Amino acid sequence: MKFLAEINVMPQKEILDPQGKAVRIGLQNLGIHQVADVRIGKHITLTLEANNESEANEIVTNACNKLLANLIMEEFEFSLQAL
């Protein structure tokens, strides 16, 4: 079966996000003062083959743990959709 994984990788809440801070300041400079906080992350899509959803879940978790997310500073979440 084919699956589509939609993965979001974000800095942990305890970690400073200098890129998000720069965007927030830029928004304020543009006159958009209603934004209180900005966090910048990554959105990754994977199309993969697996025998079932459980196996696909395991493959995506393994990919995130080993390569796609730096678990010291980032956290991830994902959803799977059968294609």
N, C-alpha and C. Protein backbone atom coordinates (compact mmCIF):
# COMPACT_ATOMS: atom_id res chain seq x y z
N MET A 1 0.84 -1.19 0.00
CA MET A 1 0.00 0.00 0.00
C MET A 1 0.88 1.24 0.00
N LYS A 2 0.37 2.29 -0.62
CA LYS A 2 1.06 3.57 -0.58
C LYS A 2 0.42 4.45 0.49
N PHE A 3 1.29 5.21 1.17
CA PHE A 3 0.84 6.14 2.19
C PHE A 3 1.49 7.50 1.95
N LEU A 4 0.78 8.54 2.34
CA LEU A 4 1.32 9.89 2.34
C LEU A 4 1.47 10.30 3.79
N ALA A 5 2.69 10.68 4.18
CA ALA A 5 2.94 11.17 5.53
C ALA A 5 3.14 12.67 5.46
N GLU A 6 2.42 13.40 6.28
CA GLU A 6 2.56 14.85 6.44
C GLU A 6 3.21 15.07 7.79
N ILE A 7 4.45 15.56 7.79
CA ILE A 7 5.25 15.67 9.01
C ILE A 7 5.50 17.14 9.31
N ASN A 8 5.28 17.53 10.55
CA ASN A 8 5.62 18.87 11.02
C ASN A 8 6.71 18.76 12.08
N VAL A 9 7.82 19.46 11.85
CA VAL A 9 8.94 19.49 12.79
C VAL A 9 9.04 20.92 13.30
N MET A 10 8.99 21.08 14.61
CA MET A 10 9.01 22.41 15.22
C MET A 10 10.05 22.45 16.33
N PRO A 11 10.61 23.64 16.58
CA PRO A 11 11.51 23.76 17.74
C PRO A 11 10.72 23.48 19.02
N GLN A 12 11.37 22.84 19.98
CA GLN A 12 10.72 22.61 21.26
C GLN A 12 10.36 23.96 21.88
N LYS A 13 9.28 24.00 22.63
CA LYS A 13 8.79 25.25 23.19
C LYS A 13 9.82 25.93 24.10
N GLU A 14 10.69 25.12 24.73
CA GLU A 14 11.68 25.66 25.64
C GLU A 14 12.87 26.28 24.91
N ILE A 15 13.01 26.00 23.61
CA ILE A 15 14.16 26.44 22.82
C ILE A 15 13.84 27.79 22.17
N LEU A 16 14.79 28.72 22.24
CA LEU A 16 14.61 30.00 21.55
C LEU A 16 14.55 29.77 20.05
N ASP A 17 13.75 30.57 19.37
CA ASP A 17 13.59 30.46 17.92
C ASP A 17 13.99 31.79 17.29
N PRO A 18 15.29 32.00 17.00
CA PRO A 18 15.72 33.29 16.46
C PRO A 18 15.08 33.64 15.12
N GLN A 19 14.82 32.63 14.30
CA GLN A 19 14.17 32.90 13.01
C GLN A 19 12.74 33.39 13.23
N GLY A 20 12.03 32.77 14.16
CA GLY A 20 10.67 33.21 14.49
C GLY A 20 10.67 34.61 15.06
N LYS A 21 11.67 34.92 15.92
CA LYS A 21 11.77 36.25 16.50
C LYS A 21 12.01 37.29 15.41
N ALA A 22 12.87 36.98 14.43
CA ALA A 22 13.14 37.91 13.33
C ALA A 22 11.88 38.16 12.50
N VAL A 23 11.08 37.12 12.27
CA VAL A 23 9.84 37.29 11.51
C VAL A 23 8.85 38.14 12.30
N ARG A 24 8.75 37.90 13.62
CA ARG A 24 7.84 38.71 14.45
C ARG A 24 8.23 40.18 14.40
N ILE A 25 9.52 40.48 14.50
CA ILE A 25 9.99 41.87 14.42
C ILE A 25 9.70 42.45 13.04
N GLY A 26 9.90 41.65 11.99
CA GLY A 26 9.58 42.11 10.64
C GLY A 26 8.11 42.44 10.47
N LEU A 27 7.25 41.61 11.05
CA LEU A 27 5.81 41.87 10.98
C LEU A 27 5.47 43.18 11.70
N GLN A 28 6.09 43.39 12.86
CA GLN A 28 5.84 44.64 13.59
C GLN A 28 6.32 45.84 12.78
N ASN A 29 7.46 45.70 12.11
CA ASN A 29 7.97 46.78 11.27
C ASN A 29 7.03 47.09 10.10
N LEU A 30 6.25 46.09 9.69
CA LEU A 30 5.27 46.28 8.61
C LEU A 30 3.93 46.78 9.14
N GLY A 31 3.85 47.03 10.44
CA GLY A 31 2.62 47.55 11.03
C GLY A 31 1.66 46.47 11.48
N ILE A 32 2.09 45.22 11.49
CA ILE A 32 1.24 44.11 11.94
C ILE A 32 1.62 43.82 13.39
N HIS A 33 0.93 44.48 14.31
CA HIS A 33 1.29 44.41 15.73
C HIS A 33 0.46 43.38 16.50
N GLN A 34 -0.49 42.72 15.85
CA GLN A 34 -1.35 41.78 16.55
C GLN A 34 -0.68 40.43 16.79
N VAL A 35 0.45 40.15 16.13
CA VAL A 35 1.12 38.86 16.26
C VAL A 35 2.02 38.90 17.49
N ALA A 36 1.75 38.01 18.45
CA ALA A 36 2.50 37.99 19.70
C ALA A 36 3.73 37.08 19.63
N ASP A 37 3.67 36.00 18.85
CA ASP A 37 4.78 35.05 18.81
C ASP A 37 4.78 34.35 17.47
N VAL A 38 5.97 34.01 16.99
CA VAL A 38 6.12 33.27 15.73
C VAL A 38 7.11 32.14 15.99
N ARG A 39 6.77 30.94 15.56
CA ARG A 39 7.68 29.80 15.62
C ARG A 39 7.83 29.29 14.18
N ILE A 40 9.05 29.08 13.75
CA ILE A 40 9.33 28.62 12.40
C ILE A 40 9.77 27.16 12.47
N GLY A 41 9.18 26.32 11.63
CA GLY A 41 9.52 24.91 11.59
C GLY A 41 9.61 24.42 10.16
N LYS A 42 9.52 23.11 10.01
CA LYS A 42 9.60 22.46 8.70
C LYS A 42 8.35 21.63 8.48
N HIS A 43 7.89 21.60 7.24
CA HIS A 43 6.81 20.70 6.84
C HIS A 43 7.37 19.77 5.78
N ILE A 44 7.28 18.48 6.03
CA ILE A 44 7.86 17.48 5.14
C ILE A 44 6.76 16.51 4.72
N THR A 45 6.72 16.17 3.43
CA THR A 45 5.79 15.14 2.96
C THR A 45 6.61 13.97 2.42
N LEU A 46 6.19 12.78 2.78
CA LEU A 46 6.81 11.55 2.29
C LEU A 46 5.74 10.68 1.68
N THR A 47 6.02 10.09 0.54
CA THR A 47 5.18 9.05 -0.02
C THR A 47 5.95 7.75 0.16
N LEU A 48 5.33 6.76 0.78
CA LEU A 48 6.04 5.54 1.09
C LEU A 48 5.18 4.32 0.86
N GLU A 49 5.86 3.19 0.74
CA GLU A 49 5.20 1.88 0.60
C GLU A 49 5.30 1.15 1.92
N ALA A 50 4.19 0.57 2.36
CA ALA A 50 4.17 -0.24 3.58
C ALA A 50 3.03 -1.24 3.46
N ASN A 51 3.14 -2.33 4.20
CA ASN A 51 2.10 -3.37 4.16
C ASN A 51 0.81 -2.91 4.83
N ASN A 52 0.92 -2.03 5.83
CA ASN A 52 -0.26 -1.56 6.56
C ASN A 52 0.08 -0.24 7.24
N GLU A 53 -0.92 0.35 7.87
CA GLU A 53 -0.72 1.66 8.51
C GLU A 53 0.25 1.58 9.68
N SER A 54 0.22 0.50 10.41
CA SER A 54 1.13 0.33 11.54
C SER A 54 2.59 0.33 11.07
N GLU A 55 2.87 -0.37 9.99
CA GLU A 55 4.22 -0.40 9.45
C GLU A 55 4.62 0.98 8.92
N ALA A 56 3.70 1.67 8.25
CA ALA A 56 3.98 3.02 7.75
C ALA A 56 4.29 3.96 8.91
N ASN A 57 3.52 3.85 9.99
CA ASN A 57 3.75 4.66 11.18
C ASN A 57 5.16 4.42 11.72
N GLU A 58 5.57 3.17 11.78
CA GLU A 58 6.90 2.82 12.27
C GLU A 58 8.00 3.38 11.36
N ILE A 59 7.81 3.31 10.05
CA ILE A 59 8.79 3.83 9.10
C ILE A 59 8.96 5.34 9.26
N VAL A 60 7.85 6.06 9.35
CA VAL A 60 7.90 7.52 9.47
C VAL A 60 8.52 7.92 10.81
N THR A 61 8.13 7.26 11.88
CA THR A 61 8.71 7.55 13.19
C THR A 61 10.22 7.33 13.17
N ASN A 62 10.66 6.25 12.56
CA ASN A 62 12.08 5.94 12.46
C ASN A 62 12.81 7.01 11.65
N ALA A 63 12.22 7.44 10.53
CA ALA A 63 12.84 8.48 9.70
C ALA A 63 12.96 9.80 10.47
N CYS A 64 11.95 10.14 11.22
CA CYS A 64 11.98 11.38 12.01
C CYS A 64 13.02 11.29 13.12
N ASN A 65 13.05 10.17 13.81
CA ASN A 65 13.99 10.01 14.92
C ASN A 65 15.44 10.00 14.45
N LYS A 66 15.69 9.43 13.28
CA LYS A 66 17.07 9.25 12.82
C LYS A 66 17.59 10.37 11.93
N LEU A 67 16.68 11.09 11.22
CA LEU A 67 17.17 12.06 10.25
C LEU A 67 16.39 13.37 10.20
N LEU A 68 15.09 13.31 10.17
CA LEU A 68 14.29 14.49 9.83
C LEU A 68 14.17 15.50 10.97
N ALA A 69 14.30 15.05 12.21
CA ALA A 69 14.19 15.97 13.36
C ALA A 69 15.42 15.82 14.24
N ASN A 70 15.90 16.93 14.74
CA ASN A 70 16.97 16.94 15.74
C ASN A 70 16.29 16.90 17.10
N LEU A 71 16.21 15.73 17.70
CA LEU A 71 15.40 15.54 18.91
C LEU A 71 15.93 16.30 20.12
N ILE A 72 17.14 16.81 20.04
CA ILE A 72 17.67 17.63 21.14
C ILE A 72 16.94 18.97 21.17
N MET A 73 16.60 19.50 19.98
CA MET A 73 16.00 20.83 19.89
C MET A 73 14.61 20.86 19.26
N GLU A 74 14.20 19.77 18.63
CA GLU A 74 12.95 19.78 17.88
C GLU A 74 12.04 18.65 18.31
N GLU A 75 10.76 18.83 18.02
CA GLU A 75 9.76 17.78 18.21
C GLU A 75 9.02 17.63 16.90
N PHE A 76 8.37 16.49 16.72
CA PHE A 76 7.66 16.25 15.46
C PHE A 76 6.31 15.61 15.73
N GLU A 77 5.44 15.80 14.76
CA GLU A 77 4.15 15.12 14.74
C GLU A 77 3.84 14.84 13.28
N PHE A 78 3.03 13.82 13.03
CA PHE A 78 2.71 13.51 11.64
C PHE A 78 1.35 12.86 11.54
N SER A 79 0.83 12.89 10.32
CA SER A 79 -0.41 12.18 10.02
C SER A 79 -0.15 11.31 8.80
N LEU A 80 -0.87 10.23 8.70
CA LEU A 80 -0.75 9.30 7.57
C LEU A 80 -2.07 9.23 6.82
N GLN A 81 -1.97 9.13 5.52
CA GLN A 81 -3.16 8.97 4.69
C GLN A 81 -2.85 7.88 3.67
N ALA A 82 -3.73 6.89 3.57
CA ALA A 82 -3.58 5.85 2.56
C ALA A 82 -3.91 6.43 1.19
N LEU A 83 -3.08 6.09 0.21
CA LEU A 83 -3.31 6.60 -1.15
C LEU A 83 -3.93 5.52 -2.02
